[in-house]
Amino acid sequence: MIIMTTYRVKPFLSQDETKELLATFGDAGTPEGTLAHYVAADGSHGVVITETDDPAVGYRNILNYTEFVEYDSKIMLTVEDAMPHILDALG
Protein backbone atom coordinates (compact mmCIF):
# COMPACT_ATOMS: atom_id res chain seq x y z
CA MET A 1 0.00 0.00 0.00
CA ILE A 2 1.03 3.59 -0.61
CA ILE A 3 0.83 6.00 2.32
CA MET A 4 1.18 9.76 1.96
CA THR A 5 2.11 11.55 5.16
CA THR A 6 2.01 15.33 5.30
CA TYR A 7 3.70 16.91 8.28
CA ARG A 8 4.16 20.33 9.83
CA VAL A 9 6.71 21.27 12.43
CA LYS A 10 4.90 22.53 15.52
CA PRO A 11 4.91 26.32 15.69
CA PHE A 12 7.38 28.26 17.79
CA LEU A 13 10.07 25.61 18.23
CA SER A 14 13.14 27.13 19.82
CA GLN A 15 16.53 26.82 18.13
CA ASP A 16 17.48 24.17 20.69
CA GLU A 17 14.30 22.19 19.96
CA THR A 18 14.98 22.48 16.23
CA LYS A 19 18.50 21.16 16.77
CA GLU A 20 17.07 18.28 18.83
CA LEU A 21 14.58 17.50 16.03
CA LEU A 22 17.38 17.43 13.46
CA ALA A 23 19.49 15.21 15.69
CA THR A 24 16.55 12.83 16.09
CA PHE A 25 16.10 12.77 12.32
CA GLY A 26 19.81 12.05 11.95
CA ASP A 27 19.47 9.08 14.31
CA ALA A 28 16.07 7.67 13.28
CA GLY A 29 15.71 8.89 9.69
CA THR A 30 12.75 7.97 7.52
CA PRO A 31 10.91 4.65 7.73
CA GLU A 32 11.70 1.59 5.65
CA GLY A 33 9.82 1.72 2.34
CA THR A 34 10.14 5.48 1.90
CA LEU A 35 9.88 6.30 -1.80
CA ALA A 36 10.20 10.07 -1.50
CA HIS A 37 10.57 12.76 1.15
CA TYR A 38 9.91 16.33 0.08
CA VAL A 39 10.04 19.63 1.96
CA ALA A 40 8.02 22.59 0.71
CA ALA A 41 10.26 25.39 -0.54
CA ASP A 42 8.45 27.87 1.71
CA GLY A 43 9.25 25.75 4.79
CA SER A 44 5.57 25.26 5.64
CA HIS A 45 5.44 21.46 5.56
CA GLY A 46 6.83 18.22 4.22
CA VAL A 47 5.48 15.13 2.46
CA VAL A 48 6.67 11.54 2.80
CA ILE A 49 5.50 8.88 0.33
CA THR A 50 5.92 5.34 1.63
CA GLU A 51 5.16 1.94 0.15
CA THR A 52 4.64 -0.77 2.75
CA ASP A 53 2.57 -3.77 3.71
CA ASP A 54 3.10 -2.97 7.39
CA PRO A 55 1.94 0.53 8.41
CA ALA A 56 3.19 -0.17 11.95
CA VAL A 57 6.75 0.46 10.68
CA GLY A 58 5.85 4.03 9.72
CA TYR A 59 3.87 4.52 12.90
CA ARG A 60 6.86 3.50 14.99
CA ASN A 61 9.02 5.98 13.10
CA ILE A 62 6.51 8.81 13.60
CA LEU A 63 6.68 8.27 17.35
CA ASN A 64 10.29 9.51 17.25
CA TYR A 65 9.10 12.96 16.22
CA THR A 66 5.69 13.60 17.82
CA GLU A 67 6.95 16.18 20.31
CA PHE A 68 8.13 18.32 17.37
CA VAL A 69 5.89 17.48 14.41
CA GLU A 70 2.16 17.11 13.60
CA TYR A 71 1.16 14.45 11.05
CA ASP A 72 -1.64 13.58 8.65
CA SER A 73 -1.32 10.18 6.95
CA LYS A 74 -3.56 8.85 4.19
CA ILE A 75 -3.63 5.50 2.40
CA MET A 76 -3.56 6.28 -1.31
CA LEU A 77 -4.92 4.50 -4.39
CA THR A 78 -3.84 5.01 -7.97
CA VAL A 79 -6.53 6.48 -10.20
CA GLU A 80 -6.59 3.17 -12.06
CA ASP A 81 -7.33 1.27 -8.82
CA ALA A 82 -9.93 3.80 -7.66
CA MET A 83 -11.85 4.18 -10.93
CA PRO A 84 -13.73 0.83 -10.88
CA HIS A 85 -14.98 1.60 -7.35
CA ILE A 86 -16.04 5.12 -8.32
CA LEU A 87 -17.93 3.82 -11.35
CA ASP A 88 -19.55 1.07 -9.26
CA ALA A 89 -20.70 3.60 -6.68
CA LEU A 90 -22.24 5.75 -9.42
CA GLY A 91 -24.32 2.71 -10.42
PDB file of N, CA and C in Angstrom:
ATOM      1  N   MET A   1       0.832  -1.169   0.000  1.00  0.00           N
ATOM      2  CA  MET A   1       0.000   0.000   0.000  1.00  0.00           C
ATOM      3  C   MET A   1       0.884   1.242   0.000  1.00  0.00           C
ATOM      4  N   ILE A   2       0.334   2.293  -0.580  1.00  0.00           N
ATOM      5  CA  ILE A   2       1.032   3.586  -0.614  1.00  0.00           C
ATOM      6  C   ILE A   2       0.426   4.478   0.472  1.00  0.00           C
ATOM      7  N   ILE A   3       1.273   5.072   1.279  1.00  0.00           N
ATOM      8  CA  ILE A   3       0.832   5.997   2.324  1.00  0.00           C
ATOM      9  C   ILE A   3       1.488   7.344   2.072  1.00  0.00           C
ATOM     10  N   MET A   4       0.665   8.404   2.083  1.00  0.00           N
ATOM     11  CA  MET A   4       1.180   9.761   1.959  1.00  0.00           C
ATOM     12  C   MET A   4       1.018  10.446   3.314  1.00  0.00           C
ATOM     13  N   THR A   5       2.123  10.853   3.875  1.00  0.00           N
ATOM     14  CA  THR A   5       2.108  11.552   5.156  1.00  0.00           C
ATOM     15  C   THR A   5       2.545  12.991   4.932  1.00  0.00           C
ATOM     16  N   THR A   6       1.676  13.909   5.317  1.00  0.00           N
ATOM     17  CA  THR A   6       2.007  15.334   5.295  1.00  0.00           C
ATOM     18  C   THR A   6       2.301  15.734   6.737  1.00  0.00           C
ATOM     19  N   TYR A   7       3.355  16.508   6.911  1.00  0.00           N
ATOM     20  CA  TYR A   7       3.696  16.910   8.279  1.00  0.00           C
ATOM     21  C   TYR A   7       4.018  18.395   8.342  1.00  0.00           C
ATOM     22  N   ARG A   8       3.811  18.939   9.522  1.00  0.00           N
ATOM     23  CA  ARG A   8       4.158  20.333   9.830  1.00  0.00           C
ATOM     24  C   ARG A   8       4.906  20.351  11.159  1.00  0.00           C
ATOM     25  N   VAL A   9       5.987  21.081  11.171  1.00  0.00           N
ATOM     26  CA  VAL A   9       6.706  21.271  12.428  1.00  0.00           C
ATOM     27  C   VAL A   9       5.825  22.137  13.319  1.00  0.00           C
ATOM     28  N   LYS A  10       5.722  21.766  14.593  1.00  0.00           N
ATOM     29  CA  LYS A  10       4.897  22.531  15.524  1.00  0.00           C
ATOM     30  C   LYS A  10       5.410  23.965  15.605  1.00  0.00           C
ATOM     31  N   PRO A  11       4.491  24.914  15.696  1.00  0.00           N
ATOM     32  CA  PRO A  11       4.909  26.323  15.694  1.00  0.00           C
ATOM     33  C   PRO A  11       5.744  26.686  16.925  1.00  0.00           C
ATOM     34  N   PHE A  12       6.606  27.637  16.715  1.00  0.00           N
ATOM     35  CA  PHE A  12       7.382  28.263  17.789  1.00  0.00           C
ATOM     36  C   PHE A  12       8.393  27.338  18.455  1.00  0.00           C
ATOM     37  N   LEU A  13       8.966  26.395  17.679  1.00  0.00           N
ATOM     38  CA  LEU A  13      10.070  25.610  18.228  1.00  0.00           C
ATOM     39  C   LEU A  13      11.255  26.540  18.456  1.00  0.00           C
ATOM     40  N   SER A  14      11.922  26.350  19.564  1.00  0.00           N
ATOM     41  CA  SER A  14      13.136  27.133  19.818  1.00  0.00           C
ATOM     42  C   SER A  14      14.261  26.589  18.943  1.00  0.00           C
ATOM     43  N   GLN A  15      15.374  27.315  18.887  1.00  0.00           N
ATOM     44  CA  GLN A  15      16.527  26.819  18.131  1.00  0.00           C
ATOM     45  C   GLN A  15      17.042  25.517  18.726  1.00  0.00           C
ATOM     46  N   ASP A  16      17.032  25.413  20.050  1.00  0.00           N
ATOM     47  CA  ASP A  16      17.484  24.175  20.695  1.00  0.00           C
ATOM     48  C   ASP A  16      16.561  23.008  20.345  1.00  0.00           C
ATOM     49  N   GLU A  17      15.245  23.246  20.323  1.00  0.00           N
ATOM     50  CA  GLU A  17      14.305  22.192  19.956  1.00  0.00           C
ATOM     51  C   GLU A  17      14.480  21.788  18.489  1.00  0.00           C
ATOM     52  N   THR A  18      14.744  22.772  17.641  1.00  0.00           N
ATOM     53  CA  THR A  18      14.982  22.480  16.227  1.00  0.00           C
ATOM     54  C   THR A  18      16.241  21.638  16.068  1.00  0.00           C
ATOM     55  N   LYS A  19      17.276  21.966  16.807  1.00  0.00           N
ATOM     56  CA  LYS A  19      18.502  21.160  16.773  1.00  0.00           C
ATOM     57  C   LYS A  19      18.239  19.744  17.260  1.00  0.00           C
ATOM     58  N   GLU A  20      17.416  19.605  18.310  1.00  0.00           N
ATOM     59  CA  GLU A  20      17.070  18.278  18.829  1.00  0.00           C
ATOM     60  C   GLU A  20      16.270  17.486  17.790  1.00  0.00           C
ATOM     61  N   LEU A  21      15.346  18.158  17.097  1.00  0.00           N
ATOM     62  CA  LEU A  21      14.581  17.505  16.031  1.00  0.00           C
ATOM     63  C   LEU A  21      15.510  17.001  14.932  1.00  0.00           C
ATOM     64  N   LEU A  22      16.443  17.830  14.514  1.00  0.00           N
ATOM     65  CA  LEU A  22      17.376  17.431  13.457  1.00  0.00           C
ATOM     66  C   LEU A  22      18.284  16.292  13.910  1.00  0.00           C
ATOM     67  N   ALA A  23      18.681  16.310  15.160  1.00  0.00           N
ATOM     68  CA  ALA A  23      19.495  15.208  15.686  1.00  0.00           C
ATOM     69  C   ALA A  23      18.684  13.910  15.716  1.00  0.00           C
ATOM     70  N   THR A  24      17.421  14.013  16.089  1.00  0.00           N
ATOM     71  CA  THR A  24      16.547  12.835  16.091  1.00  0.00           C
ATOM     72  C   THR A  24      16.402  12.295  14.679  1.00  0.00           C
ATOM     73  N   PHE A  25      16.210  13.198  13.708  1.00  0.00           N
ATOM     74  CA  PHE A  25      16.104  12.767  12.315  1.00  0.00           C
ATOM     75  C   PHE A  25      17.407  12.110  11.864  1.00  0.00           C
ATOM     76  N   GLY A  26      18.529  12.648  12.286  1.00  0.00           N
ATOM     77  CA  GLY A  26      19.815  12.052  11.951  1.00  0.00           C
ATOM     78  C   GLY A  26      19.960  10.647  12.495  1.00  0.00           C
ATOM     79  N   ASP A  27      19.400  10.408  13.682  1.00  0.00           N
ATOM     80  CA  ASP A  27      19.470   9.084  14.307  1.00  0.00           C
ATOM     81  C   ASP A  27      18.424   8.119  13.742  1.00  0.00           C
ATOM     82  N   ALA A  28      17.174   8.566  13.648  1.00  0.00           N
ATOM     83  CA  ALA A  28      16.069   7.673  13.280  1.00  0.00           C
ATOM     84  C   ALA A  28      15.775   7.664  11.782  1.00  0.00           C
ATOM     85  N   GLY A  29      15.954   8.803  11.122  1.00  0.00           N
ATOM     86  CA  GLY A  29      15.711   8.888   9.688  1.00  0.00           C
ATOM     87  C   GLY A  29      14.270   8.644   9.302  1.00  0.00           C
ATOM     88  N   THR A  30      14.073   8.252   8.045  1.00  0.00           N
ATOM     89  CA  THR A  30      12.745   7.968   7.523  1.00  0.00           C
ATOM     90  C   THR A  30      12.487   6.466   7.588  1.00  0.00           C
ATOM     91  N   PRO A  31      11.219   6.074   7.577  1.00  0.00           N
ATOM     92  CA  PRO A  31      10.915   4.649   7.731  1.00  0.00           C
ATOM     93  C   PRO A  31      11.296   3.825   6.500  1.00  0.00           C
ATOM     94  N   GLU A  32      11.469   2.541   6.731  1.00  0.00           N
ATOM     95  CA  GLU A  32      11.701   1.592   5.651  1.00  0.00           C
ATOM     96  C   GLU A  32      10.546   1.702   4.654  1.00  0.00           C
ATOM     97  N   GLY A  33      10.852   1.632   3.378  1.00  0.00           N
ATOM     98  CA  GLY A  33       9.823   1.723   2.344  1.00  0.00           C
ATOM     99  C   GLY A  33       9.572   3.128   1.848  1.00  0.00           C
ATOM    100  N   THR A  34      10.336   4.106   2.347  1.00  0.00           N
ATOM    101  CA  THR A  34      10.143   5.482   1.901  1.00  0.00           C
ATOM    102  C   THR A  34      10.547   5.605   0.440  1.00  0.00           C
ATOM    103  N   LEU A  35       9.616   6.083  -0.383  1.00  0.00           N
ATOM    104  CA  LEU A  35       9.879   6.298  -1.804  1.00  0.00           C
ATOM    105  C   LEU A  35      10.361   7.715  -2.066  1.00  0.00           C
ATOM    106  N   ALA A  36       9.831   8.667  -1.305  1.00  0.00           N
ATOM    107  CA  ALA A  36      10.198  10.071  -1.502  1.00  0.00           C
ATOM    108  C   ALA A  36       9.935  10.837  -0.214  1.00  0.00           C
ATOM    109  N   HIS A  37      10.751  11.866  -0.003  1.00  0.00           N
ATOM    110  CA  HIS A  37      10.569  12.755   1.150  1.00  0.00           C
ATOM    111  C   HIS A  37      10.847  14.164   0.640  1.00  0.00           C
ATOM    112  N   TYR A  38       9.810  14.971   0.612  1.00  0.00           N
ATOM    113  CA  TYR A  38       9.912  16.329   0.082  1.00  0.00           C
ATOM    114  C   TYR A  38       9.649  17.339   1.192  1.00  0.00           C
ATOM    115  N   VAL A  39      10.288  18.501   1.070  1.00  0.00           N
ATOM    116  CA  VAL A  39      10.042  19.628   1.964  1.00  0.00           C
ATOM    117  C   VAL A  39       9.602  20.796   1.092  1.00  0.00           C
ATOM    118  N   ALA A  40       8.508  21.440   1.461  1.00  0.00           N
ATOM    119  CA  ALA A  40       8.018  22.595   0.709  1.00  0.00           C
ATOM    120  C   ALA A  40       9.062  23.701   0.727  1.00  0.00           C
ATOM    121  N   ALA A  41       9.241  24.353  -0.406  1.00  0.00           N
ATOM    122  CA  ALA A  41      10.262  25.394  -0.536  1.00  0.00           C
ATOM    123  C   ALA A  41       9.993  26.584   0.379  1.00  0.00           C
ATOM    124  N   ASP A  42       8.740  26.765   0.795  1.00  0.00           N
ATOM    125  CA  ASP A  42       8.447  27.872   1.712  1.00  0.00           C
ATOM    126  C   ASP A  42       8.602  27.471   3.177  1.00  0.00           C
ATOM    127  N   GLY A  43       9.015  26.219   3.421  1.00  0.00           N
ATOM    128  CA  GLY A  43       9.251  25.750   4.787  1.00  0.00           C
ATOM    129  C   GLY A  43       7.991  25.429   5.571  1.00  0.00           C
ATOM    130  N   SER A  44       6.838  25.432   4.916  1.00  0.00           N
ATOM    131  CA  SER A  44       5.573  25.259   5.636  1.00  0.00           C
ATOM    132  C   SER A  44       5.268  23.824   6.029  1.00  0.00           C
ATOM    133  N   HIS A  45       5.771  22.843   5.272  1.00  0.00           N
ATOM    134  CA  HIS A  45       5.437  21.460   5.564  1.00  0.00           C
ATOM    135  C   HIS A  45       6.326  20.524   4.759  1.00  0.00           C
ATOM    136  N   GLY A  46       6.129  19.238   4.985  1.00  0.00           N
ATOM    137  CA  GLY A  46       6.828  18.223   4.217  1.00  0.00           C
ATOM    138  C   GLY A  46       5.864  17.106   3.858  1.00  0.00           C
ATOM    139  N   VAL A  47       6.284  16.269   2.911  1.00  0.00           N
ATOM    140  CA  VAL A  47       5.481  15.134   2.464  1.00  0.00           C
ATOM    141  C   VAL A  47       6.397  13.920   2.350  1.00  0.00           C
ATOM    142  N   VAL A  48       5.942  12.801   2.909  1.00  0.00           N
ATOM    143  CA  VAL A  48       6.672  11.537   2.796  1.00  0.00           C
ATOM    144  C   VAL A  48       5.743  10.545   2.102  1.00  0.00           C
ATOM    145  N   ILE A  49       6.238   9.919   1.035  1.00  0.00           N
ATOM    146  CA  ILE A  49       5.502   8.877   0.327  1.00  0.00           C
ATOM    147  C   ILE A  49       6.177   7.556   0.664  1.00  0.00           C
ATOM    148  N   THR A  50       5.391   6.618   1.196  1.00  0.00           N
ATOM    149  CA  THR A  50       5.923   5.336   1.632  1.00  0.00           C
ATOM    150  C   THR A  50       5.129   4.207   0.988  1.00  0.00           C
ATOM    151  N   GLU A  51       5.820   3.151   0.614  1.00  0.00           N
ATOM    152  CA  GLU A  51       5.156   1.937   0.147  1.00  0.00           C
ATOM    153  C   GLU A  51       5.484   0.823   1.136  1.00  0.00           C
ATOM    154  N   THR A  52       4.431   0.240   1.720  1.00  0.00           N
ATOM    155  CA  THR A  52       4.641  -0.766   2.753  1.00  0.00           C
ATOM    156  C   THR A  52       3.430  -1.685   2.875  1.00  0.00           C
ATOM    157  N   ASP A  53       3.655  -2.873   3.335  1.00  0.00           N
ATOM    158  CA  ASP A  53       2.572  -3.768   3.705  1.00  0.00           C
ATOM    159  C   ASP A  53       2.342  -3.747   5.211  1.00  0.00           C
ATOM    160  N   ASP A  54       3.188  -3.021   5.932  1.00  0.00           N
ATOM    161  CA  ASP A  54       3.098  -2.970   7.388  1.00  0.00           C
ATOM    162  C   ASP A  54       3.128  -1.512   7.860  1.00  0.00           C
ATOM    163  N   PRO A  55       1.963  -0.866   7.985  1.00  0.00           N
ATOM    164  CA  PRO A  55       1.939   0.533   8.414  1.00  0.00           C
ATOM    165  C   PRO A  55       2.489   0.752   9.814  1.00  0.00           C
ATOM    166  N   ALA A  56       2.629  -0.307  10.605  1.00  0.00           N
ATOM    167  CA  ALA A  56       3.193  -0.168  11.951  1.00  0.00           C
ATOM    168  C   ALA A  56       4.639   0.316  11.902  1.00  0.00           C
ATOM    169  N   VAL A  57       5.362   0.001  10.820  1.00  0.00           N
ATOM    170  CA  VAL A  57       6.752   0.458  10.684  1.00  0.00           C
ATOM    171  C   VAL A  57       6.787   1.989  10.627  1.00  0.00           C
ATOM    172  N   GLY A  58       5.927   2.574   9.805  1.00  0.00           N
ATOM    173  CA  GLY A  58       5.855   4.033   9.722  1.00  0.00           C
ATOM    174  C   GLY A  58       5.363   4.654  11.009  1.00  0.00           C
ATOM    175  N   TYR A  59       4.384   4.009  11.631  1.00  0.00           N
ATOM    176  CA  TYR A  59       3.866   4.519  12.896  1.00  0.00           C
ATOM    177  C   TYR A  59       4.969   4.573  13.947  1.00  0.00           C
ATOM    178  N   ARG A  60       5.761   3.525  14.014  1.00  0.00           N
ATOM    179  CA  ARG A  60       6.864   3.504  14.990  1.00  0.00           C
ATOM    180  C   ARG A  60       7.848   4.636  14.718  1.00  0.00           C
ATOM    181  N   ASN A  61       8.107   4.903  13.441  1.00  0.00           N
ATOM    182  CA  ASN A  61       9.021   5.982  13.097  1.00  0.00           C
ATOM    183  C   ASN A  61       8.446   7.344  13.482  1.00  0.00           C
ATOM    184  N   ILE A  62       7.151   7.543  13.244  1.00  0.00           N
ATOM    185  CA  ILE A  62       6.509   8.814  13.597  1.00  0.00           C
ATOM    186  C   ILE A  62       6.636   9.102  15.088  1.00  0.00           C
ATOM    187  N   LEU A  63       6.598   8.063  15.908  1.00  0.00           N
ATOM    188  CA  LEU A  63       6.684   8.266  17.352  1.00  0.00           C
ATOM    189  C   LEU A  63       7.997   8.926  17.779  1.00  0.00           C
ATOM    190  N   ASN A  64       9.025   8.836  16.944  1.00  0.00           N
ATOM    191  CA  ASN A  64      10.293   9.507  17.251  1.00  0.00           C
ATOM    192  C   ASN A  64      10.169  11.023  17.229  1.00  0.00           C
ATOM    193  N   TYR A  65       9.163  11.535  16.507  1.00  0.00           N
ATOM    194  CA  TYR A  65       9.097  12.963  16.216  1.00  0.00           C
ATOM    195  C   TYR A  65       7.871  13.679  16.774  1.00  0.00           C
ATOM    196  N   THR A  66       6.983  12.991  17.466  1.00  0.00           N
ATOM    197  CA  THR A  66       5.692  13.597  17.819  1.00  0.00           C
ATOM    198  C   THR A  66       5.799  14.826  18.734  1.00  0.00           C
ATOM    199  N   GLU A  67       6.854  14.968  19.470  1.00  0.00           N
ATOM    200  CA  GLU A  67       6.949  16.176  20.312  1.00  0.00           C
ATOM    201  C   GLU A  67       7.279  17.417  19.485  1.00  0.00           C
ATOM    202  N   PHE A  68       7.723  17.208  18.237  1.00  0.00           N
ATOM    203  CA  PHE A  68       8.131  18.318  17.371  1.00  0.00           C
ATOM    204  C   PHE A  68       7.225  18.527  16.162  1.00  0.00           C
ATOM    205  N   VAL A  69       6.528  17.478  15.726  1.00  0.00           N
ATOM    206  CA  VAL A  69       5.889  17.483  14.407  1.00  0.00           C
ATOM    207  C   VAL A  69       4.458  16.968  14.522  1.00  0.00           C
ATOM    208  N   GLU A  70       3.541  17.581  13.717  1.00  0.00           N
ATOM    209  CA  GLU A  70       2.160  17.110  13.604  1.00  0.00           C
ATOM    210  C   GLU A  70       2.000  16.415  12.260  1.00  0.00           C
ATOM    211  N   TYR A  71       1.256  15.305  12.233  1.00  0.00           N
ATOM    212  CA  TYR A  71       1.165  14.448  11.048  1.00  0.00           C
ATOM    213  C   TYR A  71      -0.255  14.270  10.567  1.00  0.00           C
ATOM    214  N   ASP A  72      -0.383  14.012   9.268  1.00  0.00           N
ATOM    215  CA  ASP A  72      -1.635  13.581   8.655  1.00  0.00           C
ATOM    216  C   ASP A  72      -1.268  12.529   7.619  1.00  0.00           C
ATOM    217  N   SER A  73      -1.658  11.279   7.862  1.00  0.00           N
ATOM    218  CA  SER A  73      -1.317  10.185   6.953  1.00  0.00           C
ATOM    219  C   SER A  73      -2.577   9.657   6.278  1.00  0.00           C
ATOM    220  N   LYS A  74      -2.453   9.372   4.989  1.00  0.00           N
ATOM    221  CA  LYS A  74      -3.563   8.846   4.193  1.00  0.00           C
ATOM    222  C   LYS A  74      -3.070   7.661   3.373  1.00  0.00           C
ATOM    223  N   ILE A  75      -3.899   6.602   3.318  1.00  0.00           N
ATOM    224  CA  ILE A  75      -3.630   5.504   2.398  1.00  0.00           C
ATOM    225  C   ILE A  75      -4.114   5.951   1.027  1.00  0.00           C
ATOM    226  N   MET A  76      -3.268   5.768   0.026  1.00  0.00           N
ATOM    227  CA  MET A  76      -3.556   6.281  -1.314  1.00  0.00           C
ATOM    228  C   MET A  76      -3.824   5.129  -2.287  1.00  0.00           C
ATOM    229  N   LEU A  77      -4.663   5.411  -3.282  1.00  0.00           N
ATOM    230  CA  LEU A  77      -4.917   4.504  -4.393  1.00  0.00           C
ATOM    231  C   LEU A  77      -4.506   5.198  -5.682  1.00  0.00           C
ATOM    232  N   THR A  78      -4.046   4.424  -6.648  1.00  0.00           N
ATOM    233  CA  THR A  78      -3.844   5.008  -7.966  1.00  0.00           C
ATOM    234  C   THR A  78      -5.219   5.298  -8.562  1.00  0.00           C
ATOM    235  N   VAL A  79      -5.271   6.192  -9.522  1.00  0.00           N
ATOM    236  CA  VAL A  79      -6.531   6.480 -10.197  1.00  0.00           C
ATOM    237  C   VAL A  79      -7.068   5.207 -10.844  1.00  0.00           C
ATOM    238  N   GLU A  80      -6.170   4.417 -11.407  1.00  0.00           N
ATOM    239  CA  GLU A  80      -6.594   3.171 -12.059  1.00  0.00           C
ATOM    240  C   GLU A  80      -7.245   2.205 -11.068  1.00  0.00           C
ATOM    241  N   ASP A  81      -6.732   2.140  -9.834  1.00  0.00           N
ATOM    242  CA  ASP A  81      -7.326   1.267  -8.825  1.00  0.00           C
ATOM    243  C   ASP A  81      -8.634   1.843  -8.283  1.00  0.00           C
ATOM    244  N   ALA A  82      -8.737   3.153  -8.208  1.00  0.00           N
ATOM    245  CA  ALA A  82      -9.928   3.795  -7.661  1.00  0.00           C
ATOM    246  C   ALA A  82     -11.092   3.828  -8.651  1.00  0.00           C
ATOM    247  N   MET A  83     -10.808   3.963  -9.930  1.00  0.00           N
ATOM    248  CA  MET A  83     -11.850   4.185 -10.929  1.00  0.00           C
ATOM    249  C   MET A  83     -12.946   3.119 -10.932  1.00  0.00           C
ATOM    250  N   PRO A  84     -12.635   1.815 -10.892  1.00  0.00           N
ATOM    251  CA  PRO A  84     -13.731   0.835 -10.883  1.00  0.00           C
ATOM    252  C   PRO A  84     -14.679   1.016  -9.688  1.00  0.00           C
ATOM    253  N   HIS A  85     -14.151   1.402  -8.553  1.00  0.00           N
ATOM    254  CA  HIS A  85     -14.979   1.601  -7.354  1.00  0.00           C
ATOM    255  C   HIS A  85     -15.840   2.856  -7.493  1.00  0.00           C
ATOM    256  N   ILE A  86     -15.272   3.889  -8.088  1.00  0.00           N
ATOM    257  CA  ILE A  86     -16.038   5.116  -8.323  1.00  0.00           C
ATOM    258  C   ILE A  86     -17.200   4.829  -9.272  1.00  0.00           C
ATOM    259  N   LEU A  87     -16.893   4.135 -10.369  1.00  0.00           N
ATOM    260  CA  LEU A  87     -17.931   3.818 -11.354  1.00  0.00           C
ATOM    261  C   LEU A  87     -19.003   2.910 -10.759  1.00  0.00           C
ATOM    262  N   ASP A  88     -18.590   1.954  -9.924  1.00  0.00           N
ATOM    263  CA  ASP A  88     -19.547   1.071  -9.262  1.00  0.00           C
ATOM    264  C   ASP A  88     -20.472   1.861  -8.336  1.00  0.00           C
ATOM    265  N   ALA A  89     -19.906   2.790  -7.607  1.00  0.00           N
ATOM    266  CA  ALA A  89     -20.704   3.604  -6.681  1.00  0.00           C
ATOM    267  C   ALA A  89     -21.697   4.493  -7.415  1.00  0.00           C
ATOM    268  N   LEU A  90     -21.349   4.903  -8.634  1.00  0.00           N
ATOM    269  CA  LEU A  90     -22.244   5.747  -9.416  1.00  0.00           C
ATOM    270  C   LEU A  90     -23.387   4.948 -10.023  1.00  0.00           C
ATOM    271  N   GLY A  91     -23.256   3.600  -9.976  1.00  0.00           N
ATOM    272  CA  GLY A  91     -24.322   2.715 -10.425  1.00  0.00           C
ATOM    273  C   GLY A  91     -24.366   2.597 -11.894  1.00  0.00           C
TER     274      GLY A  91
END
